[in-house]
């Protein structure tokens, strides 16, 4: 099975983004009100940070899978 680096990175980015969206939805269900500009900026930062963390995690998983695949061939 051939692993593609882009697949792991994109899946990690999507999962990180979804975790951020779920956090924001949970916050709005607990305190329903319209956010101000400061809260919107924080939400964008949260989505960006969790997306970047998911991207990094996807890249690490890709590196681990290629490492194990190379060891198995030897």
C-alpha atoms as a PDB file:
ATOM      1  CA  UNK A   1       0.000   0.000   0.000  1.00  0.00           C
ATOM      2  CA  UNK A   2       1.468   3.320  -1.041  1.00  0.00           C
ATOM      3  CA  UNK A   3       1.053   6.198   1.398  1.00  0.00           C
ATOM      4  CA  UNK A   4       0.736   9.725   0.098  1.00  0.00           C
ATOM      5  CA  UNK A   5       2.040  12.572   2.251  1.00  0.00           C
ATOM      6  CA  UNK A   6      -0.691  14.957   1.094  1.00  0.00           C
ATOM      7  CA  UNK A   7      -3.416  12.555   2.201  1.00  0.00           C
ATOM      8  CA  UNK A   8      -2.153  12.438   5.782  1.00  0.00           C
ATOM      9  CA  UNK A   9      -1.640  16.193   5.912  1.00  0.00           C
ATOM     10  CA  UNK A  10      -5.069  17.025   4.497  1.00  0.00           C
ATOM     11  CA  UNK A  11      -6.850  14.536   6.762  1.00  0.00           C
ATOM     12  CA  UNK A  12      -4.993  15.945   9.781  1.00  0.00           C
ATOM     13  CA  UNK A  13      -5.900  19.494   8.775  1.00  0.00           C
ATOM     14  CA  UNK A  14      -9.555  18.591   8.372  1.00  0.00           C
ATOM     15  CA  UNK A  15      -9.668  16.756  11.707  1.00  0.00           C
ATOM     16  CA  UNK A  16      -8.008  19.666  13.508  1.00  0.00           C
ATOM     17  CA  UNK A  17     -10.421  22.103  11.897  1.00  0.00           C
ATOM     18  CA  UNK A  18     -13.404  19.947  12.900  1.00  0.00           C
ATOM     19  CA  UNK A  19     -12.168  19.802  16.497  1.00  0.00           C
ATOM     20  CA  UNK A  20     -12.077  23.606  16.531  1.00  0.00           C
ATOM     21  CA  UNK A  21     -15.578  23.842  15.068  1.00  0.00           C
ATOM     22  CA  UNK A  22     -16.895  21.406  17.676  1.00  0.00           C
ATOM     23  CA  UNK A  23     -15.338  23.516  20.444  1.00  0.00           C
ATOM     24  CA  UNK A  24     -17.007  26.650  19.110  1.00  0.00           C
ATOM     25  CA  UNK A  25     -20.380  24.914  18.754  1.00  0.00           C
ATOM     26  CA  UNK A  26     -20.132  23.630  22.321  1.00  0.00           C
ATOM     27  CA  UNK A  27     -19.337  27.126  23.577  1.00  0.00           C
ATOM     28  CA  UNK A  28     -22.324  28.613  21.742  1.00  0.00           C
ATOM     29  CA  UNK A  29     -24.715  25.989  23.087  1.00  0.00           C
ATOM     30  CA  UNK A  30     -23.661  26.832  26.642  1.00  0.00           C
ATOM     31  CA  UNK A  31     -23.705  30.635  26.216  1.00  0.00           C
ATOM     32  CA  UNK A  32     -25.894  31.598  23.246  1.00  0.00           C
ATOM     33  CA  UNK A  33     -25.245  35.203  22.296  1.00  0.00           C
ATOM     34  CA  UNK A  34     -23.828  37.045  19.344  1.00  0.00           C
ATOM     35  CA  UNK A  35     -20.047  37.316  19.508  1.00  0.00           C
ATOM     36  CA  UNK A  36     -18.246  40.602  19.211  1.00  0.00           C
ATOM     37  CA  UNK A  37     -15.252  41.243  16.959  1.00  0.00           C
ATOM     38  CA  UNK A  38     -12.798  40.178  19.685  1.00  0.00           C
ATOM     39  CA  UNK A  39     -14.518  36.819  20.126  1.00  0.00           C
ATOM     40  CA  UNK A  40     -14.598  36.262  16.373  1.00  0.00           C
ATOM     41  CA  UNK A  41     -10.840  36.885  16.151  1.00  0.00           C
ATOM     42  CA  UNK A  42     -10.240  34.393  18.953  1.00  0.00           C
ATOM     43  CA  UNK A  43     -12.392  31.808  17.181  1.00  0.00           C
ATOM     44  CA  UNK A  44     -10.400  32.260  13.973  1.00  0.00           C
ATOM     45  CA  UNK A  45      -7.182  31.823  15.964  1.00  0.00           C
ATOM     46  CA  UNK A  46      -8.552  28.672  17.599  1.00  0.00           C
ATOM     47  CA  UNK A  47      -9.492  27.204  14.203  1.00  0.00           C
ATOM     48  CA  UNK A  48      -6.103  28.107  12.755  1.00  0.00           C
ATOM     49  CA  UNK A  49      -4.177  26.696  15.709  1.00  0.00           C
ATOM     50  CA  UNK A  50      -6.090  23.420  15.831  1.00  0.00           C
ATOM     51  CA  UNK A  51      -5.877  23.103  12.039  1.00  0.00           C
ATOM     52  CA  UNK A  52      -2.099  23.580  12.193  1.00  0.00           C
ATOM     53  CA  UNK A  53      -1.813  21.048  15.006  1.00  0.00           C
ATOM     54  CA  UNK A  54      -3.831  18.534  12.980  1.00  0.00           C
ATOM     55  CA  UNK A  55      -1.627  19.218   9.979  1.00  0.00           C
ATOM     56  CA  UNK A  56       1.496  18.585  12.052  1.00  0.00           C
ATOM     57  CA  UNK A  57       0.012  15.424  13.526  1.00  0.00           C
ATOM     58  CA  UNK A  58      -0.849  14.147  10.041  1.00  0.00           C
ATOM     59  CA  UNK A  59       2.733  14.786   8.926  1.00  0.00           C
ATOM     60  CA  UNK A  60       4.109  12.937  11.977  1.00  0.00           C
ATOM     61  CA  UNK A  61       1.829   9.969  11.283  1.00  0.00           C
ATOM     62  CA  UNK A  62       3.066   9.964   7.673  1.00  0.00           C
ATOM     63  CA  UNK A  63       6.691   9.925   8.842  1.00  0.00           C
ATOM     64  CA  UNK A  64       6.007   7.063  11.265  1.00  0.00           C
ATOM     65  CA  UNK A  65       4.242   4.976   8.612  1.00  0.00           C
ATOM     66  CA  UNK A  66       7.056   5.468   6.105  1.00  0.00           C
ATOM     67  CA  UNK A  67       9.616   4.595   8.786  1.00  0.00           C
ATOM     68  CA  UNK A  68       7.866   1.312   9.587  1.00  0.00           C
ATOM     69  CA  UNK A  69       7.415   0.533   5.905  1.00  0.00           C
ATOM     70  CA  UNK A  70      11.128   1.025   5.268  1.00  0.00           C
ATOM     71  CA  UNK A  71      12.119  -1.183   8.215  1.00  0.00           C
ATOM     72  CA  UNK A  72       9.841  -3.961   7.003  1.00  0.00           C
ATOM     73  CA  UNK A  73      11.457  -4.000   3.557  1.00  0.00           C
ATOM     74  CA  UNK A  74      14.991  -4.485   4.898  1.00  0.00           C
END
